[in-house]
Amino acid sequence: REFEPIFSDNSYGFRPNRSAHDAIRKVI
């Protein structure tokens, strides 16, 4: 709850509403 707002938009692992698929789409 405290750190989620300051995490990078380029980080996807172990985060709510983010997935490996999102990471793959970002690479593409």
mmCIF file of all heavy atoms, coordinates in Angstrom:
data_MODEL
# 
_entry.id   MODEL 
# 
loop_
_atom_site.group_PDB 
_atom_site.id 
_atom_site.type_symbol 
_atom_site.label_atom_id 
_atom_site.label_alt_id 
_atom_site.label_comp_id 
_atom_site.label_asym_id 
_atom_site.label_entity_id 
_atom_site.label_seq_id 
_atom_site.pdbx_PDB_ins_code 
_atom_site.Cartn_x 
_atom_site.Cartn_y 
_atom_site.Cartn_z 
_atom_site.occupancy 
_atom_site.B_iso_or_equiv 
_atom_site.pdbx_formal_charge 
_atom_site.auth_seq_id 
_atom_site.auth_comp_id 
_atom_site.auth_asym_id 
_atom_site.auth_atom_id 
_atom_site.pdbx_PDB_model_num 
ATOM 1   N N   . ARG A 1 1  ? 0.829  -1.213  0.000   1.00 0.00 ? 1  ARG A N   1 
ATOM 2   C CA  . ARG A 1 1  ? 0.000  0.000   0.000   1.00 0.00 ? 1  ARG A CA  1 
ATOM 3   C C   . ARG A 1 1  ? 0.860  1.259   0.000   1.00 0.00 ? 1  ARG A C   1 
ATOM 4   O O   . ARG A 1 1  ? 0.563  2.230   -0.707  1.00 0.00 ? 1  ARG A O   1 
ATOM 5   C CB  . ARG A 1 1  ? -0.916 -0.006  1.226   1.00 0.00 ? 1  ARG A CB  1 
ATOM 6   C CG  . ARG A 1 1  ? -1.824 1.218   1.348   1.00 0.00 ? 1  ARG A CG  1 
ATOM 7   C CD  . ARG A 1 1  ? -2.578 1.224   2.659   1.00 0.00 ? 1  ARG A CD  1 
ATOM 8   N NE  . ARG A 1 1  ? -1.693 1.248   3.816   1.00 0.00 ? 1  ARG A NE  1 
ATOM 9   C CZ  . ARG A 1 1  ? -1.078 2.335   4.249   1.00 0.00 ? 1  ARG A CZ  1 
ATOM 10  N NH1 . ARG A 1 1  ? -1.241 3.493   3.621   1.00 0.00 ? 1  ARG A NH1 1 
ATOM 11  N NH2 . ARG A 1 1  ? -0.287 2.261   5.314   1.00 0.00 ? 1  ARG A NH2 1 
ATOM 12  N N   . GLU A 1 2  ? 1.946  1.243   0.751   1.00 0.00 ? 2  GLU A N   1 
ATOM 13  C CA  . GLU A 1 2  ? 2.805  2.412   0.882   1.00 0.00 ? 2  GLU A CA  1 
ATOM 14  C C   . GLU A 1 2  ? 3.697  2.629   -0.339  1.00 0.00 ? 2  GLU A C   1 
ATOM 15  O O   . GLU A 1 2  ? 3.886  3.751   -0.807  1.00 0.00 ? 2  GLU A O   1 
ATOM 16  C CB  . GLU A 1 2  ? 3.682  2.271   2.126   1.00 0.00 ? 2  GLU A CB  1 
ATOM 17  C CG  . GLU A 1 2  ? 4.577  3.467   2.429   1.00 0.00 ? 2  GLU A CG  1 
ATOM 18  C CD  . GLU A 1 2  ? 3.808  4.654   3.001   1.00 0.00 ? 2  GLU A CD  1 
ATOM 19  O OE1 . GLU A 1 2  ? 2.677  4.455   3.497   1.00 0.00 ? 2  GLU A OE1 1 
ATOM 20  O OE2 . GLU A 1 2  ? 4.337  5.779   2.955   1.00 0.00 ? 2  GLU A OE2 1 
ATOM 21  N N   . PHE A 1 3  ? 4.268  1.542   -0.864  1.00 0.00 ? 3  PHE A N   1 
ATOM 22  C CA  . PHE A 1 3  ? 5.277  1.672   -1.909  1.00 0.00 ? 3  PHE A CA  1 
ATOM 23  C C   . PHE A 1 3  ? 4.718  1.585   -3.319  1.00 0.00 ? 3  PHE A C   1 
ATOM 24  O O   . PHE A 1 3  ? 5.354  2.060   -4.265  1.00 0.00 ? 3  PHE A O   1 
ATOM 25  C CB  . PHE A 1 3  ? 6.366  0.609   -1.725  1.00 0.00 ? 3  PHE A CB  1 
ATOM 26  C CG  . PHE A 1 3  ? 7.334  0.920   -0.621  1.00 0.00 ? 3  PHE A CG  1 
ATOM 27  C CD1 . PHE A 1 3  ? 7.095  0.473   0.669   1.00 0.00 ? 3  PHE A CD1 1 
ATOM 28  C CD2 . PHE A 1 3  ? 8.469  1.664   -0.862  1.00 0.00 ? 3  PHE A CD2 1 
ATOM 29  C CE1 . PHE A 1 3  ? 7.976  0.761   1.707   1.00 0.00 ? 3  PHE A CE1 1 
ATOM 30  C CE2 . PHE A 1 3  ? 9.367  1.955   0.165   1.00 0.00 ? 3  PHE A CE2 1 
ATOM 31  C CZ  . PHE A 1 3  ? 9.113  1.504   1.451   1.00 0.00 ? 3  PHE A CZ  1 
ATOM 32  N N   . GLU A 1 4  ? 3.561  0.963   -3.497  1.00 0.00 ? 4  GLU A N   1 
ATOM 33  C CA  . GLU A 1 4  ? 3.004  0.783   -4.834  1.00 0.00 ? 4  GLU A CA  1 
ATOM 34  C C   . GLU A 1 4  ? 2.929  2.091   -5.626  1.00 0.00 ? 4  GLU A C   1 
ATOM 35  O O   . GLU A 1 4  ? 3.283  2.107   -6.817  1.00 0.00 ? 4  GLU A O   1 
ATOM 36  C CB  . GLU A 1 4  ? 1.621  0.126   -4.736  1.00 0.00 ? 4  GLU A CB  1 
ATOM 37  C CG  . GLU A 1 4  ? 0.987  -0.246  -6.068  1.00 0.00 ? 4  GLU A CG  1 
ATOM 38  C CD  . GLU A 1 4  ? 1.776  -1.230  -6.885  1.00 0.00 ? 4  GLU A CD  1 
ATOM 39  O OE1 . GLU A 1 4  ? 2.464  -2.086  -6.301  1.00 0.00 ? 4  GLU A OE1 1 
ATOM 40  O OE2 . GLU A 1 4  ? 1.726  -1.104  -8.129  1.00 0.00 ? 4  GLU A OE2 1 
ATOM 41  N N   . PRO A 1 5  ? 2.491  3.212   -5.045  1.00 0.00 ? 5  PRO A N   1 
ATOM 42  C CA  . PRO A 1 5  ? 2.396  4.461   -5.824  1.00 0.00 ? 5  PRO A CA  1 
ATOM 43  C C   . PRO A 1 5  ? 3.731  4.993   -6.331  1.00 0.00 ? 5  PRO A C   1 
ATOM 44  O O   . PRO A 1 5  ? 3.748  5.790   -7.280  1.00 0.00 ? 5  PRO A O   1 
ATOM 45  C CB  . PRO A 1 5  ? 1.758  5.450   -4.825  1.00 0.00 ? 5  PRO A CB  1 
ATOM 46  C CG  . PRO A 1 5  ? 1.049  4.591   -3.834  1.00 0.00 ? 5  PRO A CG  1 
ATOM 47  C CD  . PRO A 1 5  ? 1.889  3.374   -3.698  1.00 0.00 ? 5  PRO A CD  1 
ATOM 48  N N   . ILE A 1 6  ? 4.840  4.574   -5.708  1.00 0.00 ? 6  ILE A N   1 
ATOM 49  C CA  . ILE A 1 6  ? 6.130  5.112   -6.133  1.00 0.00 ? 6  ILE A CA  1 
ATOM 50  C C   . ILE A 1 6  ? 6.935  4.132   -6.980  1.00 0.00 ? 6  ILE A C   1 
ATOM 51  O O   . ILE A 1 6  ? 8.048  4.445   -7.406  1.00 0.00 ? 6  ILE A O   1 
ATOM 52  C CB  . ILE A 1 6  ? 6.971  5.578   -4.924  1.00 0.00 ? 6  ILE A CB  1 
ATOM 53  C CG1 . ILE A 1 6  ? 7.327  4.385   -4.017  1.00 0.00 ? 6  ILE A CG1 1 
ATOM 54  C CG2 . ILE A 1 6  ? 6.240  6.671   -4.149  1.00 0.00 ? 6  ILE A CG2 1 
ATOM 55  C CD1 . ILE A 1 6  ? 8.268  4.754   -2.870  1.00 0.00 ? 6  ILE A CD1 1 
ATOM 56  N N   . PHE A 1 7  ? 6.402  2.939   -7.211  1.00 0.00 ? 7  PHE A N   1 
ATOM 57  C CA  . PHE A 1 7  ? 7.084  1.984   -8.068  1.00 0.00 ? 7  PHE A CA  1 
ATOM 58  C C   . PHE A 1 7  ? 7.056  2.442   -9.524  1.00 0.00 ? 7  PHE A C   1 
ATOM 59  O O   . PHE A 1 7  ? 6.140  3.136   -9.961  1.00 0.00 ? 7  PHE A O   1 
ATOM 60  C CB  . PHE A 1 7  ? 6.441  0.599   -7.963  1.00 0.00 ? 7  PHE A CB  1 
ATOM 61  C CG  . PHE A 1 7  ? 6.810  -0.167  -6.713  1.00 0.00 ? 7  PHE A CG  1 
ATOM 62  C CD1 . PHE A 1 7  ? 6.003  -1.208  -6.255  1.00 0.00 ? 7  PHE A CD1 1 
ATOM 63  C CD2 . PHE A 1 7  ? 7.955  0.131   -6.007  1.00 0.00 ? 7  PHE A CD2 1 
ATOM 64  C CE1 . PHE A 1 7  ? 6.338  -1.917  -5.115  1.00 0.00 ? 7  PHE A CE1 1 
ATOM 65  C CE2 . PHE A 1 7  ? 8.304  -0.586  -4.858  1.00 0.00 ? 7  PHE A CE2 1 
ATOM 66  C CZ  . PHE A 1 7  ? 7.488  -1.606  -4.421  1.00 0.00 ? 7  PHE A CZ  1 
ATOM 67  N N   . SER A 1 8  ? 8.057  2.007   -10.278 1.00 0.00 ? 8  SER A N   1 
ATOM 68  C CA  . SER A 1 8  ? 8.186  2.373   -11.687 1.00 0.00 ? 8  SER A CA  1 
ATOM 69  C C   . SER A 1 8  ? 7.092  1.733   -12.536 1.00 0.00 ? 8  SER A C   1 
ATOM 70  O O   . SER A 1 8  ? 6.661  0.600   -12.280 1.00 0.00 ? 8  SER A O   1 
ATOM 71  C CB  . SER A 1 8  ? 9.566  1.953   -12.205 1.00 0.00 ? 8  SER A CB  1 
ATOM 72  O OG  . SER A 1 8  ? 9.659  2.105   -13.605 1.00 0.00 ? 8  SER A OG  1 
ATOM 73  N N   . ASP A 1 9  ? 6.678  2.444   -13.585 1.00 0.00 ? 9  ASP A N   1 
ATOM 74  C CA  . ASP A 1 9  ? 5.720  1.900   -14.549 1.00 0.00 ? 9  ASP A CA  1 
ATOM 75  C C   . ASP A 1 9  ? 6.323  0.756   -15.355 1.00 0.00 ? 9  ASP A C   1 
ATOM 76  O O   . ASP A 1 9  ? 5.596  0.017   -16.029 1.00 0.00 ? 9  ASP A O   1 
ATOM 77  C CB  . ASP A 1 9  ? 5.244  2.996   -15.509 1.00 0.00 ? 9  ASP A CB  1 
ATOM 78  C CG  . ASP A 1 9  ? 4.260  3.950   -14.858 1.00 0.00 ? 9  ASP A CG  1 
ATOM 79  O OD1 . ASP A 1 9  ? 3.649  3.577   -13.839 1.00 0.00 ? 9  ASP A OD1 1 
ATOM 80  O OD2 . ASP A 1 9  ? 4.106  5.079   -15.375 1.00 0.00 ? 9  ASP A OD2 1 
ATOM 81  N N   . ASN A 1 10 ? 7.627  0.600   -15.297 1.00 0.00 ? 10 ASN A N   1 
ATOM 82  C CA  . ASN A 1 10 ? 8.312  -0.451  -16.051 1.00 0.00 ? 10 ASN A CA  1 
ATOM 83  C C   . ASN A 1 10 ? 8.520  -1.727  -15.234 1.00 0.00 ? 10 ASN A C   1 
ATOM 84  O O   . ASN A 1 10 ? 9.179  -2.654  -15.693 1.00 0.00 ? 10 ASN A O   1 
ATOM 85  C CB  . ASN A 1 10 ? 9.660  0.064   -16.552 1.00 0.00 ? 10 ASN A CB  1 
ATOM 86  C CG  . ASN A 1 10 ? 9.511  1.216   -17.526 1.00 0.00 ? 10 ASN A CG  1 
ATOM 87  O OD1 . ASN A 1 10 ? 8.834  1.105   -18.542 1.00 0.00 ? 10 ASN A OD1 1 
ATOM 88  N ND2 . ASN A 1 10 ? 10.115 2.356   -17.211 1.00 0.00 ? 10 ASN A ND2 1 
ATOM 89  N N   . SER A 1 11 ? 7.950  -1.751  -14.038 1.00 0.00 ? 11 SER A N   1 
ATOM 90  C CA  . SER A 1 11 ? 8.032  -2.926  -13.175 1.00 0.00 ? 11 SER A CA  1 
ATOM 91  C C   . SER A 1 11 ? 6.691  -3.639  -13.177 1.00 0.00 ? 11 SER A C   1 
ATOM 92  O O   . SER A 1 11 ? 5.639  -3.010  -13.009 1.00 0.00 ? 11 SER A O   1 
ATOM 93  C CB  . SER A 1 11 ? 8.398  -2.491  -11.751 1.00 0.00 ? 11 SER A CB  1 
ATOM 94  O OG  . SER A 1 11 ? 8.168  -3.528  -10.826 1.00 0.00 ? 11 SER A OG  1 
ATOM 95  N N   . TYR A 1 12 ? 6.707  -4.973  -13.337 1.00 0.00 ? 12 TYR A N   1 
ATOM 96  C CA  . TYR A 1 12 ? 5.454  -5.719  -13.510 1.00 0.00 ? 12 TYR A CA  1 
ATOM 97  C C   . TYR A 1 12 ? 5.284  -6.906  -12.561 1.00 0.00 ? 12 TYR A C   1 
ATOM 98  O O   . TYR A 1 12 ? 4.171  -7.376  -12.385 1.00 0.00 ? 12 TYR A O   1 
ATOM 99  C CB  . TYR A 1 12 ? 5.363  -6.225  -14.962 1.00 0.00 ? 12 TYR A CB  1 
ATOM 100 C CG  . TYR A 1 12 ? 5.246  -5.105  -15.966 1.00 0.00 ? 12 TYR A CG  1 
ATOM 101 C CD1 . TYR A 1 12 ? 6.383  -4.532  -16.537 1.00 0.00 ? 12 TYR A CD1 1 
ATOM 102 C CD2 . TYR A 1 12 ? 4.012  -4.608  -16.342 1.00 0.00 ? 12 TYR A CD2 1 
ATOM 103 C CE1 . TYR A 1 12 ? 6.293  -3.497  -17.447 1.00 0.00 ? 12 TYR A CE1 1 
ATOM 104 C CE2 . TYR A 1 12 ? 3.904  -3.566  -17.255 1.00 0.00 ? 12 TYR A CE2 1 
ATOM 105 C CZ  . TYR A 1 12 ? 5.042  -3.015  -17.802 1.00 0.00 ? 12 TYR A CZ  1 
ATOM 106 O OH  . TYR A 1 12 ? 4.936  -1.983  -18.705 1.00 0.00 ? 12 TYR A OH  1 
ATOM 107 N N   . GLY A 1 13 ? 6.329  -7.387  -11.967 1.00 0.00 ? 13 GLY A N   1 
ATOM 108 C CA  . GLY A 1 13 ? 6.231  -8.590  -11.150 1.00 0.00 ? 13 GLY A CA  1 
ATOM 109 C C   . GLY A 1 13 ? 5.712  -8.348  -9.754  1.00 0.00 ? 13 GLY A C   1 
ATOM 110 O O   . GLY A 1 13 ? 6.088  -7.368  -9.095  1.00 0.00 ? 13 GLY A O   1 
ATOM 111 N N   . PHE A 1 14 ? 4.840  -9.233  -9.281  1.00 0.00 ? 14 PHE A N   1 
ATOM 112 C CA  . PHE A 1 14 ? 4.300  -9.181  -7.921  1.00 0.00 ? 14 PHE A CA  1 
ATOM 113 C C   . PHE A 1 14 ? 3.630  -7.842  -7.611  1.00 0.00 ? 14 PHE A C   1 
ATOM 114 O O   . PHE A 1 14 ? 3.777  -7.280  -6.526  1.00 0.00 ? 14 PHE A O   1 
ATOM 115 C CB  . PHE A 1 14 ? 5.402  -9.453  -6.883  1.00 0.00 ? 14 PHE A CB  1 
ATOM 116 C CG  . PHE A 1 14 ? 6.161  -10.719 -7.111  1.00 0.00 ? 14 PHE A CG  1 
ATOM 117 C CD1 . PHE A 1 14 ? 7.535  -10.709 -7.304  1.00 0.00 ? 14 PHE A CD1 1 
ATOM 118 C CD2 . PHE A 1 14 ? 5.506  -11.937 -7.158  1.00 0.00 ? 14 PHE A CD2 1 
ATOM 119 C CE1 . PHE A 1 14 ? 8.248  -11.882 -7.515  1.00 0.00 ? 14 PHE A CE1 1 
ATOM 120 C CE2 . PHE A 1 14 ? 6.211  -13.122 -7.370  1.00 0.00 ? 14 PHE A CE2 1 
ATOM 121 C CZ  . PHE A 1 14 ? 7.570  -13.084 -7.551  1.00 0.00 ? 14 PHE A CZ  1 
ATOM 122 N N   . ARG A 1 15 ? 2.910  -7.338  -8.583  1.00 0.00 ? 15 ARG A N   1 
ATOM 123 C CA  . ARG A 1 15 ? 2.205  -6.077  -8.393  1.00 0.00 ? 15 ARG A CA  1 
ATOM 124 C C   . ARG A 1 15 ? 0.746  -6.232  -8.788  1.00 0.00 ? 15 ARG A C   1 
ATOM 125 O O   . ARG A 1 15 ? 0.427  -6.979  -9.721  1.00 0.00 ? 15 ARG A O   1 
ATOM 126 C CB  . ARG A 1 15 ? 2.850  -4.963  -9.221  1.00 0.00 ? 15 ARG A CB  1 
ATOM 127 C CG  . ARG A 1 15 ? 4.273  -4.620  -8.786  1.00 0.00 ? 15 ARG A CG  1 
ATOM 128 C CD  . ARG A 1 15 ? 4.820  -3.454  -9.573  1.00 0.00 ? 15 ARG A CD  1 
ATOM 129 N NE  . ARG A 1 15 ? 4.035  -2.236  -9.356  1.00 0.00 ? 15 ARG A NE  1 
ATOM 130 C CZ  . ARG A 1 15 ? 4.203  -1.100  -10.030 1.00 0.00 ? 15 ARG A CZ  1 
ATOM 131 N NH1 . ARG A 1 15 ? 5.148  -1.034  -10.979 1.00 0.00 ? 15 ARG A NH1 1 
ATOM 132 N NH2 . ARG A 1 15 ? 3.443  -0.040  -9.781  1.00 0.00 ? 15 ARG A NH2 1 
ATOM 133 N N   . PRO A 1 16 ? -0.167 -5.565  -8.079  1.00 0.00 ? 16 PRO A N   1 
ATOM 134 C CA  . PRO A 1 16 ? -1.591 -5.713  -8.396  1.00 0.00 ? 16 PRO A CA  1 
ATOM 135 C C   . PRO A 1 16 ? -1.920 -5.177  -9.782  1.00 0.00 ? 16 PRO A C   1 
ATOM 136 O O   . PRO A 1 16 ? -1.377 -4.154  -10.219 1.00 0.00 ? 16 PRO A O   1 
ATOM 137 C CB  . PRO A 1 16 ? -2.282 -4.882  -7.299  1.00 0.00 ? 16 PRO A CB  1 
ATOM 138 C CG  . PRO A 1 16 ? -1.237 -3.935  -6.795  1.00 0.00 ? 16 PRO A CG  1 
ATOM 139 C CD  . PRO A 1 16 ? 0.066  -4.659  -6.932  1.00 0.00 ? 16 PRO A CD  1 
ATOM 140 N N   . ASN A 1 17 ? -2.794 -5.902  -10.472 1.00 0.00 ? 17 ASN A N   1 
ATOM 141 C CA  . ASN A 1 17 ? -3.284 -5.498  -11.796 1.00 0.00 ? 17 ASN A CA  1 
ATOM 142 C C   . ASN A 1 17 ? -2.178 -5.420  -12.843 1.00 0.00 ? 17 ASN A C   1 
ATOM 143 O O   . ASN A 1 17 ? -2.295 -4.688  -13.828 1.00 0.00 ? 17 ASN A O   1 
ATOM 144 C CB  . ASN A 1 17 ? -4.026 -4.158  -11.710 1.00 0.00 ? 17 ASN A CB  1 
ATOM 145 C CG  . ASN A 1 17 ? -5.177 -4.187  -10.722 1.00 0.00 ? 17 ASN A CG  1 
ATOM 146 O OD1 . ASN A 1 17 ? -5.959 -5.125  -10.688 1.00 0.00 ? 17 ASN A OD1 1 
ATOM 147 N ND2 . ASN A 1 17 ? -5.274 -3.154  -9.879  1.00 0.00 ? 17 ASN A ND2 1 
ATOM 148 N N   . ARG A 1 18 ? -1.090 -6.140  -12.620 1.00 0.00 ? 18 ARG A N   1 
ATOM 149 C CA  . ARG A 1 18 ? -0.009 -6.232  -13.592 1.00 0.00 ? 18 ARG A CA  1 
ATOM 150 C C   . ARG A 1 18 ? 0.386  -7.698  -13.745 1.00 0.00 ? 18 ARG A C   1 
ATOM 151 O O   . ARG A 1 18 ? 0.318  -8.472  -12.794 1.00 0.00 ? 18 ARG A O   1 
ATOM 152 C CB  . ARG A 1 18 ? 1.200  -5.397  -13.171 1.00 0.00 ? 18 ARG A CB  1 
ATOM 153 C CG  . ARG A 1 18 ? 0.972  -3.896  -13.306 1.00 0.00 ? 18 ARG A CG  1 
ATOM 154 C CD  . ARG A 1 18 ? 2.113  -3.084  -12.769 1.00 0.00 ? 18 ARG A CD  1 
ATOM 155 N NE  . ARG A 1 18 ? 1.937  -1.682  -13.171 1.00 0.00 ? 18 ARG A NE  1 
ATOM 156 C CZ  . ARG A 1 18 ? 2.736  -1.024  -13.988 1.00 0.00 ? 18 ARG A CZ  1 
ATOM 157 N NH1 . ARG A 1 18 ? 3.790  -1.607  -14.494 1.00 0.00 ? 18 ARG A NH1 1 
ATOM 158 N NH2 . ARG A 1 18 ? 2.494  0.240   -14.307 1.00 0.00 ? 18 ARG A NH2 1 
ATOM 159 N N   . SER A 1 19 ? 0.808  -8.063  -14.924 1.00 0.00 ? 19 SER A N   1 
ATOM 160 C CA  . SER A 1 19 ? 1.084  -9.470  -15.189 1.00 0.00 ? 19 SER A CA  1 
ATOM 161 C C   . SER A 1 19 ? 2.288  -9.625  -16.106 1.00 0.00 ? 19 SER A C   1 
ATOM 162 O O   . SER A 1 19 ? 2.809  -8.653  -16.661 1.00 0.00 ? 19 SER A O   1 
ATOM 163 C CB  . SER A 1 19 ? -0.140 -10.126 -15.843 1.00 0.00 ? 19 SER A CB  1 
ATOM 164 O OG  . SER A 1 19 ? -0.343 -9.590  -17.161 1.00 0.00 ? 19 SER A OG  1 
ATOM 165 N N   . ALA A 1 20 ? 2.695  -10.887 -16.288 1.00 0.00 ? 20 ALA A N   1 
ATOM 166 C CA  . ALA A 1 20 ? 3.766  -11.191 -17.229 1.00 0.00 ? 20 ALA A CA  1 
ATOM 167 C C   . ALA A 1 20 ? 3.372  -10.795 -18.645 1.00 0.00 ? 20 ALA A C   1 
ATOM 168 O O   . ALA A 1 20 ? 4.214  -10.367 -19.439 1.00 0.00 ? 20 ALA A O   1 
ATOM 169 C CB  . ALA A 1 20 ? 4.104  -12.683 -17.160 1.00 0.00 ? 20 ALA A CB  1 
ATOM 170 N N   . HIS A 1 21 ? 2.091  -10.928 -18.975 1.00 0.00 ? 21 HIS A N   1 
ATOM 171 C CA  . HIS A 1 21 ? 1.620  -10.527 -20.308 1.00 0.00 ? 21 HIS A CA  1 
ATOM 172 C C   . HIS A 1 21 ? 1.831  -9.033  -20.540 1.00 0.00 ? 21 HIS A C   1 
ATOM 173 O O   . HIS A 1 21 ? 2.202  -8.609  -21.643 1.00 0.00 ? 21 HIS A O   1 
ATOM 174 C CB  . HIS A 1 21 ? 0.137  -10.877 -20.478 1.00 0.00 ? 21 HIS A CB  1 
ATOM 175 C CG  . HIS A 1 21 ? -0.116 -12.345 -20.552 1.00 0.00 ? 21 HIS A CG  1 
ATOM 176 N ND1 . HIS A 1 21 ? -1.342 -12.909 -20.363 1.00 0.00 ? 21 HIS A ND1 1 
ATOM 177 C CD2 . HIS A 1 21 ? 0.722  -13.387 -20.800 1.00 0.00 ? 21 HIS A CD2 1 
ATOM 178 C CE1 . HIS A 1 21 ? -1.264 -14.225 -20.494 1.00 0.00 ? 21 HIS A CE1 1 
ATOM 179 N NE2 . HIS A 1 21 ? -0.025 -14.534 -20.748 1.00 0.00 ? 21 HIS A NE2 1 
ATOM 180 N N   . ASP A 1 22 ? 1.595  -8.229  -19.506 1.00 0.00 ? 22 ASP A N   1 
ATOM 181 C CA  . ASP A 1 22 ? 1.824  -6.789  -19.625 1.00 0.00 ? 22 ASP A CA  1 
ATOM 182 C C   . ASP A 1 22 ? 3.301  -6.501  -19.888 1.00 0.00 ? 22 ASP A C   1 
ATOM 183 O O   . ASP A 1 22 ? 3.646  -5.619  -20.676 1.00 0.00 ? 22 ASP A O   1 
ATOM 184 C CB  . ASP A 1 22 ? 1.373  -6.067  -18.354 1.00 0.00 ? 22 ASP A CB  1 
ATOM 185 C CG  . ASP A 1 22 ? -0.125 -6.175  -18.116 1.00 0.00 ? 22 ASP A CG  1 
ATOM 186 O OD1 . ASP A 1 22 ? -0.883 -6.157  -19.109 1.00 0.00 ? 22 ASP A OD1 1 
ATOM 187 O OD2 . ASP A 1 22 ? -0.534 -6.295  -16.941 1.00 0.00 ? 22 ASP A OD2 1 
ATOM 188 N N   . ALA A 1 23 ? 4.169  -7.252  -19.214 1.00 0.00 ? 23 ALA A N   1 
ATOM 189 C CA  . ALA A 1 23 ? 5.609  -7.081  -19.413 1.00 0.00 ? 23 ALA A CA  1 
ATOM 190 C C   . ALA A 1 23 ? 6.009  -7.437  -20.845 1.00 0.00 ? 23 ALA A C   1 
ATOM 191 O O   . ALA A 1 23 ? 6.798  -6.731  -21.474 1.00 0.00 ? 23 ALA A O   1 
ATOM 192 C CB  . ALA A 1 23 ? 6.379  -7.937  -18.409 1.00 0.00 ? 23 ALA A CB  1 
ATOM 193 N N   . ILE A 1 24 ? 5.458  -8.538  -21.362 1.00 0.00 ? 24 ILE A N   1 
ATOM 194 C CA  . ILE A 1 24 ? 5.767  -8.956  -22.727 1.00 0.00 ? 24 ILE A CA  1 
ATOM 195 C C   . ILE A 1 24 ? 5.278  -7.916  -23.735 1.00 0.00 ? 24 ILE A C   1 
ATOM 196 O O   . ILE A 1 24 ? 5.979  -7.577  -24.694 1.00 0.00 ? 24 ILE A O   1 
ATOM 197 C CB  . ILE A 1 24 ? 5.145  -10.335 -23.026 1.00 0.00 ? 24 ILE A CB  1 
ATOM 198 C CG1 . ILE A 1 24 ? 5.767  -11.414 -22.124 1.00 0.00 ? 24 ILE A CG1 1 
ATOM 199 C CG2 . ILE A 1 24 ? 5.299  -10.696 -24.503 1.00 0.00 ? 24 ILE A CG2 1 
ATOM 200 C CD1 . ILE A 1 24 ? 7.251  -11.599 -22.321 1.00 0.00 ? 24 ILE A CD1 1 
ATOM 201 N N   . ARG A 1 25 ? 4.088  -7.395  -23.509 1.00 0.00 ? 25 ARG A N   1 
ATOM 202 C CA  . ARG A 1 25 ? 3.550  -6.359  -24.407 1.00 0.00 ? 25 ARG A CA  1 
ATOM 203 C C   . ARG A 1 25 ? 4.431  -5.116  -24.386 1.00 0.00 ? 25 ARG A C   1 
ATOM 204 O O   . ARG A 1 25 ? 4.608  -4.446  -25.416 1.00 0.00 ? 25 ARG A O   1 
ATOM 205 C CB  . ARG A 1 25 ? 2.121  -6.012  -24.004 1.00 0.00 ? 25 ARG A CB  1 
ATOM 206 C CG  . ARG A 1 25 ? 1.099  -7.124  -24.273 1.00 0.00 ? 25 ARG A CG  1 
ATOM 207 C CD  . ARG A 1 25 ? -0.319 -6.632  -24.020 1.00 0.00 ? 25 ARG A CD  1 
ATOM 208 N NE  . ARG A 1 25 ? -1.312 -7.697  -24.213 1.00 0.00 ? 25 ARG A NE  1 
ATOM 209 C CZ  . ARG A 1 25 ? -1.859 -8.388  -23.226 1.00 0.00 ? 25 ARG A CZ  1 
ATOM 210 N NH1 . ARG A 1 25 ? -1.505 -8.143  -21.950 1.00 0.00 ? 25 ARG A NH1 1 
ATOM 211 N NH2 . ARG A 1 25 ? -2.748 -9.339  -23.471 1.00 0.00 ? 25 ARG A NH2 1 
ATOM 212 N N   . LYS A 1 26 ? 4.989  -4.783  -23.220 1.00 0.00 ? 26 LYS A N   1 
ATOM 213 C CA  . LYS A 1 26 ? 5.872  -3.622  -23.115 1.00 0.00 ? 26 LYS A CA  1 
ATOM 214 C C   . LYS A 1 26 ? 7.154  -3.849  -23.913 1.00 0.00 ? 26 LYS A C   1 
ATOM 215 O O   . LYS A 1 26 ? 7.652  -2.943  -24.584 1.00 0.00 ? 26 LYS A O   1 
ATOM 216 C CB  . LYS A 1 26 ? 6.197  -3.357  -21.638 1.00 0.00 ? 26 LYS A CB  1 
ATOM 217 C CG  . LYS A 1 26 ? 7.045  -2.104  -21.401 1.00 0.00 ? 26 LYS A CG  1 
ATOM 218 C CD  . LYS A 1 26 ? 6.280  -0.837  -21.740 1.00 0.00 ? 26 LYS A CD  1 
ATOM 219 C CE  . LYS A 1 26 ? 7.091  0.392   -21.356 1.00 0.00 ? 26 LYS A CE  1 
ATOM 220 N NZ  . LYS A 1 26 ? 6.368  1.646   -21.617 1.00 0.00 ? 26 LYS A NZ  1 
ATOM 221 N N   . VAL A 1 27 ? 7.710  -5.053  -23.841 1.00 0.00 ? 27 VAL A N   1 
ATOM 222 C CA  . VAL A 1 27 ? 8.897  -5.389  -24.630 1.00 0.00 ? 27 VAL A CA  1 
ATOM 223 C C   . VAL A 1 27 ? 8.604  -5.194  -26.119 1.00 0.00 ? 27 VAL A C   1 
ATOM 224 O O   . VAL A 1 27 ? 9.405  -4.596  -26.856 1.00 0.00 ? 27 VAL A O   1 
ATOM 225 C CB  . VAL A 1 27 ? 9.351  -6.837  -24.356 1.00 0.00 ? 27 VAL A CB  1 
ATOM 226 C CG1 . VAL A 1 27 ? 10.442 -7.250  -25.350 1.00 0.00 ? 27 VAL A CG1 1 
ATOM 227 C CG2 . VAL A 1 27 ? 9.852  -6.985  -22.928 1.00 0.00 ? 27 VAL A CG2 1 
ATOM 228 N N   . ILE A 1 28 ? 7.467  -5.702  -26.567 1.00 0.00 ? 28 ILE A N   1 
ATOM 229 C CA  . ILE A 1 28 ? 7.086  -5.588  -27.976 1.00 0.00 ? 28 ILE A CA  1 
ATOM 230 C C   . ILE A 1 28 ? 6.933  -4.125  -28.376 1.00 0.00 ? 28 ILE A C   1 
ATOM 231 O O   . ILE A 1 28 ? 7.391  -3.707  -29.446 1.00 0.00 ? 28 ILE A O   1 
ATOM 232 C CB  . ILE A 1 28 ? 5.788  -6.372  -28.247 1.00 0.00 ? 28 ILE A CB  1 
ATOM 233 C CG1 . ILE A 1 28 ? 6.031  -7.875  -28.054 1.00 0.00 ? 28 ILE A CG1 1 
ATOM 234 C CG2 . ILE A 1 28 ? 5.274  -6.099  -29.657 1.00 0.00 ? 28 ILE A CG2 1 
ATOM 235 C CD1 . ILE A 1 28 ? 4.765  -8.698  -28.064 1.00 0.00 ? 28 ILE A CD1 1 
# 
